[in-house]
N, C-alpha and C. Protein backbone atom coordinates (compact mmCIF):
# COMPACT_ATOMS: atom_id res chain seq x y z
N MET A 1 -8.86 -25.66 -13.38
CA MET A 1 -7.87 -25.63 -12.33
C MET A 1 -6.76 -24.65 -12.71
N SER A 2 -6.35 -23.84 -11.75
CA SER A 2 -5.33 -22.84 -11.98
C SER A 2 -4.00 -23.29 -11.40
N LEU A 3 -2.93 -22.91 -12.05
CA LEU A 3 -1.59 -23.20 -11.54
C LEU A 3 -1.13 -22.17 -10.52
N PHE A 4 -1.78 -21.03 -10.50
CA PHE A 4 -1.35 -19.94 -9.64
C PHE A 4 -2.40 -19.62 -8.59
N LYS A 5 -1.94 -19.21 -7.42
CA LYS A 5 -2.83 -18.78 -6.36
C LYS A 5 -2.39 -17.40 -5.91
N LEU A 6 -3.35 -16.54 -5.65
CA LEU A 6 -3.07 -15.19 -5.19
C LEU A 6 -3.40 -15.11 -3.71
N LYS A 7 -2.44 -14.67 -2.92
CA LYS A 7 -2.66 -14.52 -1.49
C LYS A 7 -2.38 -13.08 -1.10
N GLN A 8 -3.20 -12.55 -0.23
CA GLN A 8 -2.99 -11.20 0.25
C GLN A 8 -1.88 -11.21 1.28
N LEU A 9 -0.81 -10.45 1.02
CA LEU A 9 0.32 -10.39 1.92
C LEU A 9 0.12 -9.31 2.97
N CYS A 10 -0.35 -8.16 2.54
CA CYS A 10 -0.57 -7.06 3.47
C CYS A 10 -1.67 -6.17 2.92
N ALA A 11 -2.21 -5.32 3.77
CA ALA A 11 -3.24 -4.38 3.37
C ALA A 11 -2.97 -3.04 4.04
N VAL A 12 -3.20 -1.97 3.30
CA VAL A 12 -2.97 -0.62 3.81
C VAL A 12 -4.20 0.21 3.50
N THR A 13 -4.66 0.98 4.48
CA THR A 13 -5.77 1.90 4.27
C THR A 13 -5.19 3.29 4.03
N LEU A 14 -5.48 3.85 2.87
CA LEU A 14 -4.95 5.16 2.50
C LEU A 14 -6.10 6.15 2.36
N PRO A 15 -5.81 7.45 2.39
CA PRO A 15 -6.87 8.45 2.26
C PRO A 15 -7.65 8.29 0.96
N ASN A 16 -8.93 8.62 1.00
CA ASN A 16 -9.78 8.53 -0.19
C ASN A 16 -9.40 9.54 -1.26
N THR A 17 -8.59 10.52 -0.93
CA THR A 17 -8.22 11.55 -1.90
C THR A 17 -7.13 11.09 -2.85
N GLU A 18 -6.51 9.94 -2.60
CA GLU A 18 -5.44 9.45 -3.47
C GLU A 18 -6.00 8.45 -4.47
N GLU A 19 -5.50 8.55 -5.71
CA GLU A 19 -5.92 7.63 -6.77
C GLU A 19 -4.71 6.86 -7.28
N PHE A 20 -4.94 5.58 -7.61
CA PHE A 20 -3.88 4.71 -8.07
C PHE A 20 -4.38 3.91 -9.27
N ASP A 21 -3.45 3.30 -10.00
CA ASP A 21 -3.80 2.27 -10.95
C ASP A 21 -2.72 1.19 -10.89
N GLY A 22 -2.87 0.16 -11.68
CA GLY A 22 -1.98 -0.98 -11.60
C GLY A 22 -0.57 -0.75 -12.09
N ARG A 23 -0.29 0.40 -12.68
CA ARG A 23 1.06 0.67 -13.20
C ARG A 23 1.90 1.52 -12.28
N HIS A 24 1.42 1.84 -11.10
CA HIS A 24 2.14 2.75 -10.21
C HIS A 24 2.71 2.03 -9.00
N PHE A 25 3.22 0.83 -9.21
CA PHE A 25 3.90 0.14 -8.13
C PHE A 25 5.04 -0.70 -8.70
N ALA A 26 6.01 -0.96 -7.85
CA ALA A 26 7.15 -1.79 -8.24
C ALA A 26 7.55 -2.65 -7.06
N VAL A 27 7.97 -3.85 -7.34
CA VAL A 27 8.47 -4.77 -6.33
C VAL A 27 9.85 -5.21 -6.75
N GLY A 28 10.79 -5.14 -5.83
CA GLY A 28 12.13 -5.60 -6.16
C GLY A 28 13.15 -5.10 -5.16
N LEU A 29 14.40 -5.25 -5.52
CA LEU A 29 15.50 -4.81 -4.68
C LEU A 29 15.73 -3.32 -4.96
N LEU A 30 15.21 -2.47 -4.09
CA LEU A 30 15.27 -1.03 -4.32
C LEU A 30 16.43 -0.35 -3.61
N ASP A 31 17.12 -1.06 -2.73
CA ASP A 31 18.25 -0.48 -2.02
C ASP A 31 19.34 -1.54 -1.87
N SER A 32 20.35 -1.26 -1.09
CA SER A 32 21.47 -2.19 -0.95
C SER A 32 21.15 -3.39 -0.06
N ASP A 33 20.00 -3.36 0.61
CA ASP A 33 19.58 -4.49 1.42
C ASP A 33 19.16 -5.64 0.50
N SER A 34 19.22 -6.85 0.97
CA SER A 34 18.92 -8.00 0.12
C SER A 34 17.45 -8.39 0.17
N GLU A 35 16.59 -7.58 0.78
CA GLU A 35 15.16 -7.87 0.86
C GLU A 35 14.40 -7.07 -0.18
N GLU A 36 13.32 -7.66 -0.68
CA GLU A 36 12.49 -6.96 -1.65
C GLU A 36 11.67 -5.88 -0.96
N ARG A 37 11.41 -4.82 -1.68
CA ARG A 37 10.61 -3.70 -1.21
C ARG A 37 9.44 -3.50 -2.16
N LEU A 38 8.41 -2.85 -1.66
CA LEU A 38 7.23 -2.52 -2.45
C LEU A 38 7.13 -1.00 -2.51
N ALA A 39 7.22 -0.43 -3.70
CA ALA A 39 7.11 1.02 -3.89
C ALA A 39 5.79 1.32 -4.57
N ILE A 40 5.03 2.27 -4.01
CA ILE A 40 3.72 2.64 -4.54
C ILE A 40 3.68 4.15 -4.73
N GLY A 41 3.22 4.58 -5.89
CA GLY A 41 3.08 6.00 -6.17
C GLY A 41 1.64 6.31 -6.55
N SER A 42 1.14 7.47 -6.12
CA SER A 42 -0.23 7.86 -6.46
C SER A 42 -0.22 8.97 -7.50
N PHE A 43 -1.37 9.22 -8.10
CA PHE A 43 -1.49 10.29 -9.09
C PHE A 43 -1.22 11.66 -8.47
N SER A 44 -1.46 11.80 -7.16
CA SER A 44 -1.24 13.08 -6.50
C SER A 44 0.22 13.31 -6.12
N GLY A 45 1.09 12.33 -6.35
CA GLY A 45 2.52 12.51 -6.11
C GLY A 45 3.06 11.91 -4.83
N MET A 46 2.27 11.14 -4.12
CA MET A 46 2.75 10.49 -2.90
C MET A 46 3.52 9.23 -3.27
N LEU A 47 4.71 9.10 -2.72
CA LEU A 47 5.54 7.91 -2.91
C LEU A 47 5.71 7.24 -1.56
N ARG A 48 5.41 5.95 -1.51
CA ARG A 48 5.58 5.17 -0.27
C ARG A 48 6.36 3.91 -0.60
N ILE A 49 7.29 3.56 0.29
CA ILE A 49 8.07 2.33 0.15
C ILE A 49 7.85 1.50 1.40
N TYR A 50 7.47 0.25 1.18
CA TYR A 50 7.15 -0.67 2.27
C TYR A 50 8.10 -1.86 2.26
N ARG A 51 8.29 -2.43 3.43
CA ARG A 51 8.96 -3.72 3.58
C ARG A 51 7.85 -4.73 3.87
N PRO A 52 7.39 -5.49 2.88
CA PRO A 52 6.28 -6.40 3.10
C PRO A 52 6.66 -7.51 4.08
N SER A 53 5.71 -7.88 4.91
CA SER A 53 5.92 -8.97 5.87
C SER A 53 4.60 -9.69 6.09
N ARG A 54 4.66 -10.85 6.66
CA ARG A 54 3.44 -11.64 6.92
C ARG A 54 2.54 -10.95 7.94
N LYS A 55 3.12 -10.36 8.95
CA LYS A 55 2.36 -9.62 9.97
C LYS A 55 2.60 -8.13 9.75
N PHE A 56 1.88 -7.55 8.83
CA PHE A 56 2.09 -6.16 8.44
C PHE A 56 1.78 -5.22 9.60
N THR A 57 2.72 -4.31 9.88
CA THR A 57 2.54 -3.29 10.91
C THR A 57 2.90 -1.93 10.33
N GLU A 58 2.65 -0.89 11.10
CA GLU A 58 2.98 0.46 10.66
C GLU A 58 4.48 0.65 10.45
N ARG A 59 5.30 -0.13 11.13
CA ARG A 59 6.75 -0.01 10.99
C ARG A 59 7.25 -0.51 9.64
N ASP A 60 6.41 -1.20 8.88
CA ASP A 60 6.81 -1.69 7.57
C ASP A 60 6.86 -0.57 6.53
N LEU A 61 6.30 0.60 6.84
CA LEU A 61 6.43 1.77 5.97
C LEU A 61 7.81 2.35 6.19
N LEU A 62 8.68 2.27 5.17
CA LEU A 62 10.06 2.72 5.30
C LEU A 62 10.26 4.17 4.88
N TYR A 63 9.47 4.61 3.89
CA TYR A 63 9.69 5.94 3.32
C TYR A 63 8.37 6.48 2.80
N GLU A 64 8.12 7.76 3.02
CA GLU A 64 6.92 8.41 2.51
C GLU A 64 7.30 9.84 2.15
N ALA A 65 6.99 10.25 0.93
CA ALA A 65 7.31 11.61 0.48
C ALA A 65 6.24 12.10 -0.47
N ASN A 66 5.94 13.40 -0.40
CA ASN A 66 5.02 14.03 -1.34
C ASN A 66 5.86 14.71 -2.41
N LEU A 67 5.85 14.15 -3.62
CA LEU A 67 6.67 14.66 -4.72
C LEU A 67 5.90 15.67 -5.59
N ASN A 68 4.63 15.92 -5.22
CA ASN A 68 3.78 16.84 -5.98
C ASN A 68 3.77 16.47 -7.44
């Protein structure tokens, strides 16, 4: 029996050309707002910041930049 349960909060389909690993994301208070944000970076230099929600929509993507 496990004490922890993992639930999928949201899912995003990204291009197949981007590669990620488990060390390229952060969750926390990233701005002056009191809500947590999810920041994801890829090996190709794409940075995306999301506002996670139970009913994930395209509007939950707050920021996207190619940092090369």
